């Protein structure tokens, strides 16, 4: 013979005439011998299984299209593989040794690092300042208009933007050199994409122009979530706009800042289209980045194992940066 006991919460709910969900009213079945629980709540287990059924398709998609290719790429990086004949040979870590002896790899890594640093300066710091200036305007009409104006370049595809700036940088007919000549700065006119000292900076400038508005819009949304009472209180205390920016806006949009740093740095180490459209890695490999060197190694030089090793480096670098930034952001989580 067994008896059923209900929790105090269930007794209170029945006395008050309330009906709680089955997951709240916990029924404990005990035996006559020891009074020990003979089973777990059935409904709670069923709810967990139902939740797992909902997320299972997403887990399967991630496993097939994300995690399995990562494992396969790691295996490919230990092989010397001819993708046209299908012949492969296990070489261990030789591709990684070759990678670290390759001067073009270090040039590519340095270009990606420069890309990431300048992207943080413009697409994170600069976009945050611009978003704060836009949101400080009293006119709603002007705020909406400026958001749209700055967002327009982000709606242009990278390929189209790259071709546009390719013609802007053209040394003879390009708009940039003509503009410099028109204002008396002929000495600064030069073949921007044709010399090693300026080609990479010119590509990065185009990329910042294209992505600046998108970052600004995201920061504007984050600033709109900050309670206006905080700005009003700061203004009543006599705090100026610059101090309000550093002491109110910056701390309270920290989570968005962390997210933008992750997205910006990850994108900087995966950049491909801009370089391929504008210079294809030239001149003299001075604008190679990891993704373009991966493409050239695997599909032009038919060294697929070496290309897989480059892909592994890209994954490890972006993973370390993302984990570090997520750890820092969670420690500095902001609650309104």
Foldseek 3Di string as FASTA:
>chain_A
DKDKDWDPVVVVCVVVVHDDDPVVTFIFIADPPPRDGPDGDPVVVVVVVVVCVVCVVVVVCCVVPPVVVLVVLVVLLQWFAQPVVGDIDGNGCVLVVVLVVDPLNVLQAVLLVVLLVVCCVQQQVVLLVVLLVLVVDPDPVSSVVVLVVQLVLLVDDLLVLLVLLLQLLQQPRHVVCVVCVVVPNNVPRDNQCADLVRNSVSLSVSVSSNNNSVSNVLSNVQQVPFDVVVVVVCVVVVHDPVVCCVPPSCLSCVLVSLVSSLVSSLCSLQDDSNCCNRPLCDDVNSNHHLNSVLCCVCPVVSRNSSSSVSVVVSVVVSVVSNVVSVVVCVVSDDDD
